[in-house]
N, C-alpha and C. Protein backbone atom coordinates (compact mmCIF):
# COMPACT_ATOMS: atom_id res chain seq x y z
N UNK A 1 0.88 -1.26 0.08
CA UNK A 1 0.00 -0.01 0.05
C UNK A 1 0.78 1.28 -0.12
N UNK A 2 2.09 1.23 0.61
CA UNK A 2 2.97 2.24 0.55
C UNK A 2 3.59 2.62 -0.62
N UNK A 3 3.55 1.82 -1.60
CA UNK A 3 4.20 2.13 -3.11
C UNK A 3 3.19 2.83 -4.01
N UNK A 4 1.83 2.83 -3.59
CA UNK A 4 0.96 3.56 -4.55
C UNK A 4 1.17 4.93 -4.64
N UNK A 5 1.26 5.77 -3.59
CA UNK A 5 1.82 7.13 -3.69
C UNK A 5 2.98 7.57 -4.39
N UNK A 6 4.02 6.56 -4.12
CA UNK A 6 5.28 6.64 -4.89
C UNK A 6 5.13 6.47 -6.33
N UNK A 7 4.46 5.50 -6.76
CA UNK A 7 4.02 5.26 -8.16
C UNK A 7 3.31 6.28 -8.94
N UNK A 8 2.36 6.93 -8.05
CA UNK A 8 1.38 8.00 -8.55
C UNK A 8 2.27 9.21 -8.69
N UNK A 9 3.30 9.36 -7.71
CA UNK A 9 4.22 10.57 -7.95
C UNK A 9 5.18 10.46 -9.15
N UNK A 10 5.65 9.25 -9.35
CA UNK A 10 6.40 9.02 -10.63
C UNK A 10 5.70 9.25 -11.71
N UNK A 11 4.49 8.75 -11.84
CA UNK A 11 3.64 8.89 -13.07
C UNK A 11 3.41 10.43 -13.30
N UNK A 12 3.12 11.19 -12.33
CA UNK A 12 2.76 12.52 -12.56
C UNK A 12 4.06 13.33 -12.86
N UNK A 13 5.15 12.92 -12.42
CA UNK A 13 6.35 13.78 -12.69
C UNK A 13 6.86 13.45 -14.19
N UNK A 14 6.45 12.31 -14.62
CA UNK A 14 6.88 12.02 -15.96
C UNK A 14 5.92 12.71 -16.94
N UNK A 15 4.91 13.33 -16.55
CA UNK A 15 3.89 14.01 -17.41
C UNK A 15 4.19 15.56 -17.34
N UNK A 16 5.19 15.97 -16.53
CA UNK A 16 5.37 17.49 -16.38
C UNK A 16 6.63 18.00 -17.07
N UNK A 17 7.15 17.31 -18.18
CA UNK A 17 8.14 17.86 -18.86
C UNK A 17 8.12 19.11 -19.76
N UNK A 18 9.04 19.83 -19.64
CA UNK A 18 8.96 21.22 -20.29
C UNK A 18 8.91 20.95 -21.77
N UNK A 19 8.17 21.77 -22.51
CA UNK A 19 8.28 21.66 -24.08
C UNK A 19 9.46 22.26 -24.61
N UNK A 20 10.03 21.48 -25.62
CA UNK A 20 11.15 21.84 -26.40
C UNK A 20 10.84 23.22 -27.19
N UNK A 21 11.92 23.94 -26.93
CA UNK A 21 12.12 25.30 -27.80
C UNK A 21 12.78 25.02 -29.10
N UNK A 22 12.14 25.63 -30.13
CA UNK A 22 12.93 25.48 -31.44
C UNK A 22 13.11 26.73 -31.72
N UNK A 23 14.20 27.04 -32.36
CA UNK A 23 14.83 28.48 -32.81
C UNK A 23 14.81 28.57 -34.43
N UNK A 24 14.36 29.67 -34.97
CA UNK A 24 14.34 29.82 -36.39
C UNK A 24 15.30 31.18 -36.53
N UNK A 25 15.84 31.20 -37.85
CA UNK A 25 16.45 32.23 -38.33
C UNK A 25 16.16 32.38 -39.96
N UNK A 26 16.32 33.49 -40.48
CA UNK A 26 16.14 33.67 -41.90
C UNK A 26 17.36 33.13 -42.56
N UNK A 27 16.99 32.43 -43.73
CA UNK A 27 18.24 31.83 -44.43
C UNK A 27 19.02 32.75 -45.09
N UNK A 28 20.35 32.38 -45.19
CA UNK A 28 21.31 33.18 -46.03
C UNK A 28 20.98 33.08 -47.41
N UNK A 29 21.03 34.21 -48.20
CA UNK A 29 20.71 34.16 -49.53
C UNK A 29 21.85 33.76 -50.21
N UNK A 30 21.67 32.76 -51.14
CA UNK A 30 22.83 32.00 -51.70
C UNK A 30 23.50 32.68 -52.95
N UNK A 31 22.82 33.46 -53.77
CA UNK A 31 23.28 33.87 -54.91
C UNK A 31 24.24 35.28 -54.72
N UNK A 32 25.59 35.19 -55.15
CA UNK A 32 26.27 36.26 -54.82
C UNK A 32 25.83 37.59 -55.79
N UNK A 33 26.33 38.86 -55.41
CA UNK A 33 25.77 40.00 -56.16
C UNK A 33 26.59 40.10 -57.52
N UNK A 34 26.01 40.52 -58.49
CA UNK A 34 26.74 40.71 -59.63
C UNK A 34 27.66 41.87 -59.64
N UNK A 35 28.92 41.49 -60.11
CA UNK A 35 29.90 42.57 -60.03
C UNK A 35 30.38 43.13 -61.52
N UNK A 36 30.46 44.19 -61.83
CA UNK A 36 30.80 44.72 -63.18
C UNK A 36 32.25 44.56 -63.44
N UNK A 37 32.67 44.85 -64.66
CA UNK A 37 34.09 44.52 -64.98
C UNK A 37 35.02 45.46 -64.19
N UNK A 38 34.63 46.62 -63.59
CA UNK A 38 35.62 47.47 -63.08
C UNK A 38 35.57 47.05 -61.36
N UNK A 39 34.89 45.98 -61.00
CA UNK A 39 34.96 45.51 -59.81
C UNK A 39 33.76 46.00 -58.86
N UNK A 40 32.97 46.82 -59.31
CA UNK A 40 31.96 47.47 -58.39
C UNK A 40 30.76 46.95 -58.78
N UNK A 41 29.82 46.74 -57.69
CA UNK A 41 28.58 45.85 -57.95
C UNK A 41 27.74 46.72 -58.99
N UNK A 42 27.08 45.89 -59.74
CA UNK A 42 26.32 46.61 -60.82
C UNK A 42 25.08 47.44 -60.38
N UNK A 43 24.58 46.92 -59.39
CA UNK A 43 23.43 47.68 -58.70
C UNK A 43 23.62 47.76 -57.33
N UNK A 44 23.10 49.03 -56.73
CA UNK A 44 23.49 49.13 -55.22
C UNK A 44 22.34 49.59 -54.59
N UNK A 45 21.95 49.10 -53.54
CA UNK A 45 20.88 49.48 -52.64
C UNK A 45 21.22 49.87 -51.23
N UNK A 46 20.77 51.14 -50.97
CA UNK A 46 21.20 51.67 -49.64
C UNK A 46 20.05 51.46 -48.55
N UNK A 47 20.35 50.75 -47.54
CA UNK A 47 19.22 50.58 -46.46
C UNK A 47 19.74 51.35 -45.33
N UNK A 48 18.98 52.28 -44.76
CA UNK A 48 19.42 52.99 -43.67
C UNK A 48 19.22 52.38 -42.26
N UNK A 49 17.85 51.83 -42.28
CA UNK A 49 17.44 51.15 -41.10
C UNK A 49 16.10 50.31 -41.41
N UNK A 50 16.10 49.05 -40.96
CA UNK A 50 15.08 48.23 -41.20
C UNK A 50 14.31 48.04 -39.77
N UNK A 51 12.95 48.24 -39.91
CA UNK A 51 12.30 48.00 -38.67
C UNK A 51 10.92 47.17 -38.97
N UNK A 52 10.52 46.38 -37.93
CA UNK A 52 9.26 45.65 -38.06
C UNK A 52 8.27 46.08 -37.09
N UNK A 53 7.07 45.70 -37.53
CA UNK A 53 5.83 46.08 -36.42
C UNK A 53 6.27 45.51 -34.96
N UNK A 54 5.64 46.22 -34.04
CA UNK A 54 5.87 45.79 -32.61
C UNK A 54 5.61 44.53 -32.33
N UNK A 55 4.56 43.94 -32.92
CA UNK A 55 4.31 42.49 -32.69
C UNK A 55 5.14 41.51 -33.27
N UNK A 56 5.91 42.03 -34.39
CA UNK A 56 6.91 41.11 -35.01
C UNK A 56 8.32 41.32 -34.32
N UNK A 57 8.44 42.01 -33.36
CA UNK A 57 9.54 42.45 -32.82
C UNK A 57 10.06 41.52 -31.55
N UNK A 58 9.03 40.86 -31.23
CA UNK A 58 9.05 39.79 -30.20
C UNK A 58 9.97 38.63 -30.43
N UNK A 59 10.27 37.86 -29.44
CA UNK A 59 11.20 36.83 -29.71
C UNK A 59 10.45 35.64 -30.29
N UNK A 60 9.23 35.43 -30.14
CA UNK A 60 8.44 34.38 -30.66
C UNK A 60 8.02 34.62 -32.03
N UNK A 61 7.95 33.59 -32.81
CA UNK A 61 7.43 33.47 -34.19
C UNK A 61 5.95 33.90 -34.23
N UNK A 62 5.62 34.73 -35.06
CA UNK A 62 4.01 35.21 -35.13
C UNK A 62 3.31 34.35 -36.19
N UNK A 63 2.27 33.83 -35.79
CA UNK A 63 1.51 33.24 -36.80
C UNK A 63 0.13 33.81 -36.70
N UNK A 64 -0.67 33.65 -37.80
CA UNK A 64 -2.15 34.23 -37.99
C UNK A 64 -3.13 32.98 -37.80
N UNK A 65 -3.96 33.16 -36.96
CA UNK A 65 -4.98 32.04 -36.74
C UNK A 65 -6.41 32.25 -37.47
N UNK A 66 -6.76 33.48 -37.66
CA UNK A 66 -7.73 33.73 -38.60
C UNK A 66 -7.63 35.16 -39.01
N UNK A 67 -8.50 35.71 -39.62
CA UNK A 67 -8.66 37.12 -40.27
C UNK A 67 -8.08 38.13 -39.37
N UNK A 68 -8.29 38.12 -37.93
CA UNK A 68 -7.87 39.28 -37.19
C UNK A 68 -7.00 38.86 -36.03
N UNK A 69 -6.72 37.69 -35.97
CA UNK A 69 -5.97 37.21 -34.62
C UNK A 69 -4.53 36.59 -35.13
N UNK A 70 -3.57 37.11 -34.32
CA UNK A 70 -2.20 36.67 -34.42
C UNK A 70 -1.75 36.28 -33.13
N UNK A 71 -0.99 35.15 -33.14
CA UNK A 71 -0.46 34.50 -32.02
C UNK A 71 1.00 34.67 -31.91
N UNK A 72 1.59 34.89 -30.92
CA UNK A 72 3.22 35.08 -30.63
C UNK A 72 3.37 33.61 -29.95
N UNK A 73 4.30 32.72 -30.78
CA UNK A 73 4.49 31.48 -30.28
C UNK A 73 5.34 31.58 -29.01
N UNK A 74 5.29 30.79 -28.07
CA UNK A 74 6.17 30.46 -26.78
C UNK A 74 7.34 29.57 -26.89
N UNK A 75 7.27 28.69 -27.96
CA UNK A 75 8.15 27.66 -28.04
C UNK A 75 8.92 27.54 -29.25
N UNK A 76 8.48 28.29 -30.34
CA UNK A 76 9.19 28.64 -31.61
C UNK A 76 9.53 30.15 -31.73
N UNK A 77 10.89 30.17 -31.50
CA UNK A 77 11.50 31.48 -31.26
C UNK A 77 12.58 31.78 -32.44
N UNK A 78 12.52 33.18 -32.61
CA UNK A 78 13.74 33.65 -33.38
C UNK A 78 15.03 33.43 -32.79
N UNK A 79 16.02 33.00 -33.56
CA UNK A 79 17.35 32.93 -32.92
C UNK A 79 17.98 34.19 -32.55
N UNK A 80 17.61 35.25 -33.25
CA UNK A 80 17.89 36.60 -32.86
C UNK A 80 16.71 37.38 -33.46
N UNK A 81 16.94 38.84 -33.14
CA UNK A 81 15.53 39.58 -33.49
C UNK A 81 15.54 39.78 -35.10
N UNK A 82 14.31 39.67 -35.38
CA UNK A 82 13.78 39.70 -36.77
C UNK A 82 14.31 40.85 -37.64
N UNK A 83 14.18 42.08 -36.95
CA UNK A 83 14.85 43.30 -37.65
C UNK A 83 16.32 43.12 -37.75
N UNK A 84 16.95 42.36 -36.91
CA UNK A 84 18.48 42.38 -36.91
C UNK A 84 18.88 41.33 -38.14
N UNK A 85 18.13 40.33 -38.09
CA UNK A 85 18.31 39.09 -39.13
C UNK A 85 18.03 39.77 -40.53
N UNK A 86 16.96 40.73 -40.86
CA UNK A 86 16.69 41.19 -41.95
C UNK A 86 17.71 42.17 -42.40
N UNK A 87 18.31 43.02 -41.49
CA UNK A 87 19.28 44.02 -41.76
C UNK A 87 20.64 43.18 -42.18
N UNK A 88 20.88 42.27 -41.43
CA UNK A 88 22.14 41.36 -41.70
C UNK A 88 22.07 40.77 -43.13
N UNK A 89 20.88 40.20 -43.48
CA UNK A 89 20.76 39.56 -44.87
C UNK A 89 20.66 40.65 -45.94
N UNK A 90 20.11 41.70 -45.58
CA UNK A 90 20.00 42.82 -46.56
C UNK A 90 21.30 43.27 -46.93
N UNK A 91 22.27 43.35 -45.81
CA UNK A 91 23.64 43.93 -46.12
C UNK A 91 24.51 43.00 -46.90
N UNK A 92 24.21 41.65 -46.59
CA UNK A 92 24.96 40.72 -47.32
C UNK A 92 24.50 40.43 -48.94
N UNK A 93 23.44 40.63 -49.07
CA UNK A 93 22.73 40.25 -50.53
C UNK A 93 21.56 41.22 -50.76
N UNK A 94 21.90 42.56 -50.86
CA UNK A 94 20.77 43.48 -51.29
C UNK A 94 20.03 43.33 -52.44
N UNK A 95 20.65 42.84 -53.40
CA UNK A 95 19.79 42.59 -54.71
C UNK A 95 18.84 41.41 -54.49
N UNK A 96 19.05 40.41 -53.67
CA UNK A 96 18.17 39.34 -53.39
C UNK A 96 17.03 39.91 -52.37
N UNK A 97 17.38 40.59 -51.47
CA UNK A 97 16.57 41.33 -50.72
C UNK A 97 15.61 42.18 -51.30
N UNK A 98 15.99 43.00 -52.26
CA UNK A 98 15.02 43.76 -53.00
C UNK A 98 14.17 43.10 -53.91
N UNK A 99 14.71 41.77 -54.25
CA UNK A 99 13.89 41.00 -55.19
C UNK A 99 12.65 40.19 -54.36
N UNK A 100 12.91 40.21 -53.02
CA UNK A 100 11.83 39.47 -52.21
C UNK A 100 12.20 37.96 -52.26
N UNK A 101 13.27 37.60 -52.31
CA UNK A 101 13.71 36.23 -52.27
C UNK A 101 14.02 35.77 -50.88
N UNK A 102 13.54 34.68 -50.36
CA UNK A 102 13.79 34.18 -48.96
C UNK A 102 12.79 33.26 -48.60
N UNK A 103 12.85 32.83 -47.23
CA UNK A 103 12.00 32.09 -46.54
C UNK A 103 12.44 31.86 -45.20
N UNK A 104 11.85 31.03 -44.39
CA UNK A 104 12.20 30.97 -42.82
C UNK A 104 12.66 29.36 -42.69
N UNK A 105 13.66 28.97 -42.02
CA UNK A 105 14.23 27.75 -41.91
C UNK A 105 14.63 27.59 -40.30
N UNK A 106 14.50 26.67 -39.74
CA UNK A 106 15.19 26.26 -38.47
C UNK A 106 16.54 26.53 -38.33
N UNK A 107 17.18 26.92 -37.33
CA UNK A 107 18.45 27.24 -37.15
C UNK A 107 19.01 25.88 -36.93
N UNK A 108 20.40 25.82 -37.29
CA UNK A 108 21.13 24.52 -37.01
C UNK A 108 22.15 24.64 -36.03
């Protein structure tokens, strides 16, 4: 009879694990910039500051559940801030950024 509370305690403790967190980052854009014969990029794009809406500036990935509701995830998080990732990617491959090429992948 003494083992029943111990078994119940072990069973309940097995159910109380914390959910695994997954971190995401914007992918690196793979196509290098075109360079003209004089060694200068053929097209240039100047970005002074990239900012995102307040609800996108959170650590959690934001997803839309219906026409008017957005949810900020608790266990699916950005590896670094979204505006910082966008600025970094735009600085490395501005031509690709201007063309709207990209997607989201889990960080490795």
